[in-house]
Amino acid sequence: MASRVVITGMGVVAPNGVGLSDFRTAVRAGKSGIRFDPQLEKLQFSCHIAGKPQLDEDLIARYFSALELRNFNSSGILYGVIAGMDAWLDAGLTPNTTAEPYWDYGMIFGAGTSGIDRFREAIYKIDEQQTRRLGSTVVVQTMNSGVSAYLSGKLGLGNQVYSNSSACCTGTESLLMCYERVKSGQASIMLSGATSDSGPYIWGGFDAMKVCTFKNNDTPEQGSRPMSASASGFVPASGAGAFVVESLEHAQARGARIYAEILGGHSNSGGQRGAGSMTAPNPAAVQRCINSALDNAQLGAADVDVINGHLTATAMDGLEIRNWSKALGRSGKNFPYINSLKGMVGHCLSAAGSIECVAAVLELSEGFIFPNTNCEDLHPEVLECIDQECIPQKLIEWEFETLIKASFGFGDVNACIVFKKYHDGQ
C-alpha cells in the first residue's frame, strides 16, 4: 500500500534570510536580499547586483570543523550542508554517531555546479605545474555530487544518496523524487534539497546571454521585477533549501511536527520541439506538466488555491501566466492567487525550486500569502489573462488548503509539485 508523504523539517540559506526564522520574517515582510556586488561591477558585468546569502565565520564553524575548512572554497556545498543539517534538526532528528548507517534514511540533494571557485583555483595550480598542491579535497568539492557526499557523511545515511541536476527544476525535481521514494516504501525518510554556487564564474554566462537585469544597478532592491512591465531580466542569486520528507505513519509514530502533505506532482520535457528550445519552454509541455501533476495528486483545477510560480522577471513571465491560465482553464478574477519569491531573492538557479518550496510550504502551513514585490506596474501580457487582484502586493493572512508549485529550466524541462495543508488526525 502506498504511503502518504509529509514534510517534517525544513532548512534554508537564502539571500534575504539564513535559517527558517529569519527567512520566514523576511518573506512575510517582502524583504529583499538583493545587494550591490562590487566584484560584478569591477568585472564589467551588465548586472552589478546579486542575491547572495550573508554568512559569518561563527555560523559556518557550527557546521564545519577547522580541518574541513582547510582549502575549502565551495559556496554551494557550504549552503547545502547548512540548509540540510538545519532541516534534519528541525525535523527532530539527530546525526548518526554509530558505526552502522541509517539504512532506511536517504537523500537526494541537487546542484547545478559544485565548487566552481575551487575548480578555478585547481586549474591555475595545474597550469603553474603545482598539481601536488591541489589538496586532498579538491575532487569532492568540485564533483557535482559533492553536496550529497558531505551531507551523507555528516548524517550517516544508508539508503539512496544521490545528486540530481536539472537546471532551474533541480530543487522541485529533488522533492518529487524523494516523495516518490517514500511513497513507494523504499525509504522511511529522505532528505531533499538543492544548492547553487555564488559568484561571477557561475553568473557570468547568464550576463553574457543578456538575460540579467541592467536597469537597477543603483537601486538593488528594485532590480528583480517578476510580472513587471519594467523588468529587464533576472537578478543572479544563490543559496540552498532543504526538506525532510517521510511517510505519515513514520512521522506520527515518532511524534513529529508536520508542515504539509505532498499530494503528488509531475516532471517532463518539451523535447525542444514546437516553440520549445534550449532556453524557451514548450507551452504544450508546461501545460501537460501542470495538468499531470494535478491528476497525480487527484485534484482538479478548481481545487488550486495558490500558485507559487517560476516567474523570473524576464520576457517569459507573460507566457508562463498564459500557460497557467490555459492549463487550469481559469482566468480573470477566477484565477488563483499567484506569487513569485524571486522579487525578494532573485533567481537562485539550481537552488530556486528548493528555496521557493520552503516559502510555499511556510505559506500553506502558517496561513498567509507572501507579497509580490516590484510589480506595481504589471505587464500587459499578464493582465490579459488574470486580474490584478490575483497578484497580491501586500501580505494576505488566509488559511487555505492547496498550493501548486512549478519550476521550468534550461533544456526545456519542467517540474510541478502539489502541497496540501495537513490537519491533525486526517
Protein backbone atom coordinates (compact mmCIF):
# COMPACT_ATOMS: atom_id res chain seq x y z
CA MET A 1 0.00 0.00 0.00
CA ALA A 2 1.36 3.41 -0.97
CA SER A 3 2.25 5.69 1.91
CA ARG A 4 1.04 9.23 2.46
CA VAL A 5 4.04 11.56 2.42
CA VAL A 6 4.62 14.61 4.60
CA ILE A 7 7.25 17.29 5.21
CA THR A 8 8.54 17.36 8.78
CA GLY A 9 11.65 19.53 8.59
CA MET A 10 12.96 22.48 6.57
CA GLY A 11 16.19 24.45 6.28
CA VAL A 12 17.09 27.42 4.12
CA VAL A 13 20.06 29.59 3.18
CA ALA A 14 18.62 32.45 1.14
CA PRO A 15 19.75 35.94 0.14
CA ASN A 16 17.11 37.50 2.40
CA GLY A 17 17.45 35.15 5.34
CA VAL A 18 19.67 32.35 6.65
CA GLY A 19 17.71 29.96 8.83
CA LEU A 20 13.99 29.32 8.88
CA SER A 21 13.11 32.04 11.40
CA ASP A 22 14.87 34.90 9.61
CA PHE A 23 13.64 33.68 6.22
CA ARG A 24 10.04 33.49 7.43
CA THR A 25 10.20 37.05 8.76
CA ALA A 26 11.70 38.35 5.52
CA VAL A 27 9.22 36.54 3.29
CA ARG A 28 6.20 37.79 5.21
CA ALA A 29 7.55 41.35 5.06
CA GLY A 30 8.51 41.20 1.38
CA LYS A 31 12.10 41.95 2.39
CA SER A 32 14.71 41.92 -0.35
CA GLY A 33 18.09 40.21 -0.08
CA ILE A 34 19.46 41.72 -3.31
CA ARG A 35 22.52 43.92 -2.92
CA PHE A 36 25.12 45.77 -4.96
CA ASP A 37 28.07 43.48 -5.77
CA PRO A 38 31.29 45.46 -6.37
CA GLN A 39 33.00 42.43 -7.91
CA LEU A 40 30.43 42.30 -10.72
CA GLU A 41 30.96 46.00 -11.42
CA LYS A 42 34.74 45.56 -11.44
CA LEU A 43 34.42 42.69 -13.93
CA GLN A 44 32.27 44.90 -16.16
CA PHE A 45 29.13 42.82 -15.94
CA SER A 46 25.98 44.49 -17.21
CA CYS A 47 24.32 43.48 -13.94
CA HIS A 48 26.02 44.83 -10.80
CA ILE A 49 23.55 43.39 -8.29
CA ALA A 50 23.05 39.88 -6.91
CA GLY A 51 21.28 37.84 -4.27
CA LYS A 52 23.95 36.25 -2.08
CA PRO A 53 23.34 34.71 1.37
CA GLN A 54 25.10 36.52 4.20
CA LEU A 55 27.16 34.11 6.33
CA ASP A 56 29.73 34.80 9.03
CA GLU A 57 32.59 32.68 10.31
CA ASP A 58 30.89 31.86 13.62
CA LEU A 59 27.87 30.42 11.81
CA ILE A 60 29.98 28.39 9.40
CA ALA A 61 32.01 26.97 12.30
CA ARG A 62 28.83 25.39 13.69
CA TYR A 63 28.65 23.08 10.65
CA PHE A 64 32.28 22.54 9.59
CA SER A 65 35.39 21.73 11.58
CA ALA A 66 38.62 23.71 11.15
CA LEU A 67 40.08 20.70 9.33
CA GLU A 68 37.14 20.55 6.90
CA LEU A 69 37.52 24.26 6.17
CA ARG A 70 41.20 23.92 5.23
CA ASN A 71 41.48 24.64 1.49
CA PHE A 72 37.67 24.75 1.34
CA ASN A 73 36.14 27.07 -1.25
CA SER A 74 32.77 25.75 -2.37
CA SER A 75 29.88 28.09 -1.62
CA GLY A 76 27.30 25.65 -2.99
CA ILE A 77 28.39 22.83 -0.67
CA LEU A 78 28.55 25.32 2.21
CA TYR A 79 24.96 26.47 1.63
CA GLY A 80 23.70 22.93 1.07
CA VAL A 81 25.25 21.50 4.22
CA ILE A 82 23.85 24.29 6.38
CA ALA A 83 20.34 24.01 4.90
CA GLY A 84 20.40 20.21 5.02
CA MET A 85 21.64 19.97 8.60
CA ASP A 86 19.09 22.59 9.69
CA ALA A 87 16.25 20.65 8.05
CA TRP A 88 17.39 17.43 9.77
CA LEU A 89 17.47 19.08 13.19
CA ASP A 90 14.22 20.95 12.53
CA ALA A 91 12.56 17.57 12.00
CA GLY A 92 13.70 16.45 15.45
CA LEU A 93 16.30 14.07 14.03
CA THR A 94 19.93 13.68 15.07
CA PRO A 95 23.05 12.90 13.06
CA ASN A 96 24.05 9.25 13.20
CA THR A 97 27.01 8.79 15.54
CA THR A 98 27.08 4.98 15.39
CA ALA A 99 29.15 2.69 13.16
CA GLU A 100 26.01 1.48 11.37
CA PRO A 101 24.38 3.67 8.69
CA TYR A 102 20.72 4.66 8.86
CA TRP A 103 19.70 2.06 6.29
CA ASP A 104 16.15 3.35 5.91
CA TYR A 105 17.11 7.04 5.59
CA GLY A 106 18.45 8.56 2.37
CA MET A 107 18.90 11.76 0.43
CA ILE A 108 18.52 13.39 -2.98
CA PHE A 109 20.26 16.76 -2.90
CA GLY A 110 20.75 18.51 -6.22
CA ALA A 111 23.20 21.01 -7.64
CA GLY A 112 23.84 22.78 -10.92
CA THR A 113 27.58 23.07 -10.44
CA SER A 114 29.78 22.44 -7.44
CA GLY A 115 32.83 24.29 -6.17
CA ILE A 116 33.33 26.42 -9.26
CA ASP A 117 35.72 28.75 -7.41
CA ARG A 118 37.65 25.76 -6.09
CA PHE A 119 37.78 24.34 -9.61
CA ARG A 120 39.23 27.63 -10.90
CA GLU A 121 41.92 27.52 -8.20
CA ALA A 122 42.80 23.97 -9.29
CA ILE A 123 43.10 24.98 -12.94
CA TYR A 124 45.58 27.73 -12.09
CA LYS A 125 47.70 25.40 -9.95
CA ILE A 126 47.76 22.77 -12.69
CA ASP A 127 48.72 25.38 -15.29
CA GLU A 128 51.51 26.51 -12.98
CA GLN A 129 52.65 22.88 -12.56
CA GLN A 130 51.63 22.80 -8.88
CA THR A 131 49.40 19.72 -9.08
CA ARG A 132 50.69 18.32 -5.79
CA ARG A 133 49.44 21.45 -4.02
CA LEU A 134 45.82 20.93 -5.03
CA GLY A 135 44.94 19.35 -1.68
CA SER A 136 43.08 16.18 -0.83
CA THR A 137 39.55 17.63 -1.01
CA VAL A 138 39.58 19.22 -4.47
CA VAL A 139 37.71 16.27 -6.02
CA VAL A 140 34.86 16.12 -3.52
CA GLN A 141 34.48 19.92 -3.61
CA THR A 142 34.21 20.04 -7.39
CA MET A 143 32.21 16.92 -8.21
CA ASN A 144 28.53 17.61 -8.78
CA SER A 145 27.55 15.18 -6.01
CA GLY A 146 29.84 16.90 -3.52
CA VAL A 147 26.96 18.34 -1.51
CA SER A 148 25.28 14.96 -1.01
CA ALA A 149 28.63 13.36 -0.20
CA TYR A 150 29.36 15.89 2.54
CA LEU A 151 25.85 15.68 3.99
CA SER A 152 25.67 11.90 3.90
CA GLY A 153 28.88 11.63 5.86
CA LYS A 154 27.67 14.06 8.48
CA LEU A 155 24.31 12.31 8.88
CA GLY A 156 25.32 8.67 8.29
CA LEU A 157 22.67 7.87 5.67
CA GLY A 158 22.50 4.34 4.25
CA ASN A 159 19.61 4.48 1.79
CA GLN A 160 19.84 6.10 -1.66
CA VAL A 161 22.25 9.07 -1.69
CA TYR A 162 22.11 10.97 -4.95
CA SER A 163 22.57 14.40 -6.53
CA ASN A 164 20.20 15.35 -9.34
CA SER A 165 20.78 18.21 -11.79
CA SER A 166 18.04 19.65 -13.99
CA ALA A 167 18.84 23.37 -14.27
CA CYS A 168 16.19 25.54 -12.56
CA CYS A 169 13.98 22.46 -11.96
CA THR A 170 16.59 20.79 -9.76
CA GLY A 171 15.10 21.61 -6.34
CA THR A 172 11.48 20.86 -7.23
CA GLU A 173 12.54 17.68 -9.01
CA SER A 174 14.54 16.57 -5.94
CA LEU A 175 11.47 16.95 -3.75
CA LEU A 176 9.37 14.97 -6.21
CA MET A 177 11.95 12.18 -6.35
CA CYS A 178 12.11 11.95 -2.56
CA TYR A 179 8.31 11.92 -2.39
CA GLU A 180 8.18 9.01 -4.83
CA ARG A 181 10.81 7.01 -2.96
CA VAL A 182 8.99 7.37 0.36
CA LYS A 183 5.56 6.77 -1.18
CA SER A 184 6.76 3.52 -2.75
CA GLY A 185 8.08 2.31 0.60
CA GLN A 186 11.74 2.26 -0.41
CA ALA A 187 12.68 4.65 2.40
CA SER A 188 11.05 5.95 5.58
CA ILE A 189 12.84 9.30 5.47
CA MET A 190 14.54 11.20 2.64
CA LEU A 191 16.42 14.47 2.86
CA SER A 192 15.60 16.60 -0.19
CA GLY A 193 17.24 19.80 -1.34
CA ALA A 194 19.22 21.74 -3.88
CA THR A 195 22.02 24.27 -3.82
CA SER A 196 23.75 26.74 -6.11
CA ASP A 197 27.18 28.37 -6.01
CA SER A 198 27.69 32.13 -5.75
CA GLY A 199 29.91 34.37 -7.79
CA PRO A 200 30.91 35.64 -11.22
CA TYR A 201 32.11 32.29 -12.57
CA ILE A 202 28.61 30.87 -12.43
CA TRP A 203 26.73 34.11 -13.13
CA GLY A 204 28.95 35.33 -15.98
CA GLY A 205 27.36 33.11 -18.63
CA PHE A 206 23.90 34.46 -17.88
CA ASP A 207 25.16 38.03 -18.04
CA ALA A 208 26.74 37.25 -21.41
CA MET A 209 23.37 35.91 -22.63
CA LYS A 210 21.83 39.28 -21.71
CA VAL A 211 19.14 37.67 -19.55
CA CYS A 212 20.24 39.52 -16.39
CA THR A 213 18.85 42.92 -15.45
CA PHE A 214 20.85 46.08 -16.10
CA LYS A 215 18.42 48.88 -15.17
CA ASN A 216 18.64 48.88 -11.38
CA ASN A 217 22.35 48.78 -10.55
CA ASP A 218 21.87 51.83 -8.32
CA THR A 219 18.66 50.52 -6.73
CA PRO A 220 19.36 46.83 -5.99
CA GLU A 221 16.19 46.07 -4.03
CA GLN A 222 14.09 47.16 -7.02
CA GLY A 223 16.06 45.05 -9.51
CA SER A 224 14.11 41.79 -9.51
CA ARG A 225 10.70 42.52 -11.02
CA PRO A 226 8.62 39.42 -11.82
CA MET A 227 5.49 40.16 -13.89
CA SER A 228 6.50 43.82 -14.19
CA ALA A 229 6.31 45.89 -17.37
CA SER A 230 9.66 47.50 -16.46
CA ALA A 231 11.52 44.21 -15.86
CA SER A 232 14.77 43.93 -17.78
CA GLY A 233 15.93 40.44 -16.79
CA PHE A 234 16.58 38.35 -13.69
CA VAL A 235 18.93 39.07 -10.81
CA PRO A 236 21.52 36.28 -10.38
CA ALA A 237 21.40 34.69 -6.95
CA SER A 238 22.34 31.62 -4.93
CA GLY A 239 21.62 29.64 -1.77
CA ALA A 240 20.03 26.35 -0.76
CA GLY A 241 16.79 24.91 0.56
CA ALA A 242 16.18 21.52 2.19
CA PHE A 243 13.34 19.29 3.44
CA VAL A 244 12.87 16.18 5.50
CA VAL A 245 10.32 14.04 3.67
CA GLU A 246 8.82 11.00 5.38
CA SER A 247 5.83 8.72 5.46
CA LEU A 248 2.90 9.94 7.51
CA GLU A 249 2.92 6.71 9.52
CA HIS A 250 6.61 7.14 10.39
CA ALA A 251 6.12 10.81 11.30
CA GLN A 252 3.16 10.05 13.55
CA ALA A 253 4.96 7.19 15.25
CA ARG A 254 7.79 9.46 16.35
CA GLY A 255 5.51 12.42 17.18
CA ALA A 256 6.98 14.69 14.52
CA ARG A 257 5.58 18.11 13.69
CA ILE A 258 4.13 18.11 10.17
CA TYR A 259 4.38 21.19 7.93
CA ALA A 260 2.40 19.93 4.94
CA GLU A 261 1.46 16.88 2.92
CA ILE A 262 2.77 16.25 -0.59
CA LEU A 263 -0.11 15.04 -2.74
CA GLY A 264 1.83 14.39 -5.94
CA GLY A 265 3.43 16.03 -8.92
CA HIS A 266 4.94 15.51 -12.33
CA SER A 267 8.07 16.27 -14.35
CA ASN A 268 8.51 16.27 -18.10
CA SER A 269 10.29 17.85 -21.06
CA GLY A 270 9.11 19.70 -24.13
CA GLY A 271 11.81 17.96 -26.14
CA GLN A 272 12.90 21.35 -27.54
CA ARG A 273 10.19 20.88 -30.16
CA GLY A 274 7.46 23.23 -31.31
CA ALA A 275 8.00 26.55 -29.57
CA GLY A 276 10.44 24.94 -27.13
CA SER A 277 14.20 25.39 -27.32
CA MET A 278 17.26 25.12 -25.09
CA THR A 279 16.21 28.33 -23.31
CA ALA A 280 12.47 28.64 -24.03
CA PRO A 281 9.72 26.35 -22.72
CA ASN A 282 7.41 24.38 -24.96
CA PRO A 283 3.97 25.65 -23.85
CA ALA A 284 2.31 22.31 -24.56
CA ALA A 285 4.79 20.55 -22.24
CA VAL A 286 4.32 23.13 -19.47
CA GLN A 287 0.55 22.76 -19.59
CA ARG A 288 0.79 18.96 -19.66
CA CYS A 289 3.12 19.07 -16.65
CA ILE A 290 0.66 21.17 -14.63
CA ASN A 291 -2.33 19.01 -15.54
CA SER A 292 -0.45 15.76 -14.97
CA ALA A 293 0.65 16.99 -11.53
CA LEU A 294 -2.95 17.68 -10.59
CA ASP A 295 -4.06 14.31 -11.94
CA ASN A 296 -1.33 12.59 -9.93
CA ALA A 297 -2.48 14.47 -6.83
CA GLN A 298 -6.10 13.53 -7.60
CA LEU A 299 -7.17 17.17 -7.68
CA GLY A 300 -8.96 19.31 -10.20
CA ALA A 301 -8.07 22.81 -11.41
CA ALA A 302 -10.80 24.30 -9.20
CA ASP A 303 -9.05 22.89 -6.11
CA VAL A 304 -5.97 25.09 -6.55
CA ASP A 305 -5.96 27.97 -4.05
CA VAL A 306 -2.48 29.42 -4.60
CA ILE A 307 0.23 29.12 -7.27
CA ASN A 308 3.87 29.66 -6.44
CA GLY A 309 5.24 30.42 -9.90
CA HIS A 310 8.64 30.20 -11.51
CA LEU A 311 8.30 33.80 -12.83
CA THR A 312 11.84 35.07 -13.39
CA ALA A 313 11.35 38.75 -14.33
CA THR A 314 12.12 38.07 -17.97
CA ALA A 315 10.09 38.19 -21.18
CA MET A 316 8.86 34.64 -20.37
CA ASP A 317 6.66 35.78 -17.46
CA GLY A 318 3.70 36.59 -19.70
CA LEU A 319 3.98 33.18 -21.37
CA GLU A 320 4.08 31.43 -18.01
CA ILE A 321 0.88 33.17 -16.89
CA ARG A 322 -0.84 32.17 -20.16
CA ASN A 323 0.27 28.58 -19.64
CA TRP A 324 -1.16 28.52 -16.11
CA SER A 325 -4.41 30.04 -17.33
CA LYS A 326 -4.78 27.56 -20.20
CA ALA A 327 -3.79 24.54 -18.11
CA LEU A 328 -6.22 25.38 -15.31
CA GLY A 329 -8.96 26.81 -17.52
CA ARG A 330 -9.13 29.77 -15.14
CA SER A 331 -8.72 33.45 -15.96
CA GLY A 332 -9.63 36.94 -14.79
CA LYS A 333 -10.81 37.04 -11.17
CA ASN A 334 -11.36 33.27 -11.25
CA PHE A 335 -7.59 32.72 -11.39
CA PRO A 336 -5.92 31.56 -8.14
CA TYR A 337 -3.63 33.82 -6.17
CA ILE A 338 -0.11 33.68 -7.63
CA ASN A 339 3.23 34.90 -6.29
CA SER A 340 6.93 34.76 -7.05
CA LEU A 341 9.69 34.76 -4.44
CA LYS A 342 12.22 36.00 -6.99
CA GLY A 343 11.19 39.60 -6.39
CA MET A 344 12.88 39.28 -2.98
CA VAL A 345 15.80 36.93 -3.64
CA GLY A 346 16.49 36.96 -7.39
CA HIS A 347 16.92 33.77 -9.39
CA CYS A 348 18.78 31.20 -7.29
CA LEU A 349 19.29 28.95 -10.35
CA SER A 350 19.55 25.26 -9.38
CA ALA A 351 18.53 26.14 -5.79
CA ALA A 352 15.50 28.19 -6.87
CA GLY A 353 12.96 25.38 -6.61
CA SER A 354 14.04 24.30 -3.13
CA ILE A 355 14.20 27.81 -1.66
CA GLU A 356 10.86 28.74 -3.24
CA CYS A 357 9.28 25.50 -2.00
CA VAL A 358 10.34 26.41 1.55
CA ALA A 359 8.49 29.72 1.17
CA ALA A 360 5.49 27.91 -0.35
CA VAL A 361 5.25 25.37 2.47
CA LEU A 362 5.53 28.16 5.07
CA GLU A 363 2.62 29.96 3.37
CA LEU A 364 0.48 26.87 3.38
CA SER A 365 1.27 25.66 6.88
CA GLU A 366 1.01 29.07 8.57
CA GLY A 367 -1.88 30.54 6.59
CA PHE A 368 -0.54 33.52 4.68
CA ILE A 369 0.28 34.58 1.12
CA PHE A 370 3.54 36.49 0.83
CA PRO A 371 3.51 39.71 -1.21
CA ASN A 372 4.80 40.08 -4.73
CA THR A 373 7.40 42.86 -4.79
CA ASN A 374 8.40 45.29 -7.54
CA CYS A 375 5.37 44.63 -9.75
CA GLU A 376 3.33 47.73 -9.17
CA ASP A 377 3.45 48.16 -12.97
CA LEU A 378 2.07 44.76 -14.02
CA HIS A 379 2.92 43.69 -17.55
CA PRO A 380 0.03 43.98 -20.05
CA GLU A 381 0.55 40.36 -21.15
CA VAL A 382 -0.04 39.26 -17.56
CA LEU A 383 -3.22 41.30 -17.25
CA GLU A 384 -4.57 39.83 -20.48
CA CYS A 385 -5.03 36.55 -18.61
CA ILE A 386 -5.65 37.33 -14.96
CA ASP A 387 -7.00 40.08 -12.74
CA GLN A 388 -4.50 42.18 -10.80
CA GLU A 389 -6.22 41.19 -7.54
CA CYS A 390 -4.84 37.68 -8.08
CA ILE A 391 -1.29 39.08 -7.73
CA PRO A 392 -1.17 40.32 -4.12
CA GLN A 393 1.32 43.07 -3.43
CA LYS A 394 0.69 43.07 0.30
CA LEU A 395 0.72 40.21 2.81
CA ILE A 396 -2.57 38.31 2.99
CA GLU A 397 -3.44 36.31 6.09
CA TRP A 398 -5.54 33.40 4.81
CA GLU A 399 -5.92 29.77 5.79
CA PHE A 400 -6.02 27.83 2.52
CA GLU A 401 -5.83 24.16 1.56
CA THR A 402 -3.79 23.58 -1.60
CA LEU A 403 -0.77 25.12 -3.31
CA ILE A 404 0.86 24.14 -6.58
CA LYS A 405 4.50 24.98 -7.28
CA ALA A 406 6.26 24.76 -10.64
CA SER A 407 9.80 25.22 -11.91
CA PHE A 408 10.89 25.48 -15.54
CA GLY A 409 14.51 25.08 -16.63
CA PHE A 410 17.02 25.37 -19.45
CA GLY A 411 16.84 22.35 -21.71
CA ASP A 412 13.03 22.69 -21.88
CA VAL A 413 12.44 20.73 -18.66
CA ASN A 414 9.55 21.17 -16.21
CA ALA A 415 8.65 20.05 -12.69
CA CYS A 416 5.46 20.65 -10.74
CA ILE A 417 4.51 19.61 -7.20
CA VAL A 418 1.26 19.85 -5.22
CA PHE A 419 1.12 20.55 -1.47
CA LYS A 420 -1.86 20.22 0.87
CA LYS A 421 -2.37 21.69 4.31
CA TYR A 422 -2.08 18.98 6.94
CA HIS A 423 -4.78 18.70 9.61
CA ASP A 424 -4.14 16.55 12.68
CA GLY A 425 -5.97 13.26 12.57
CA GLN A 426 -6.85 13.48 8.87
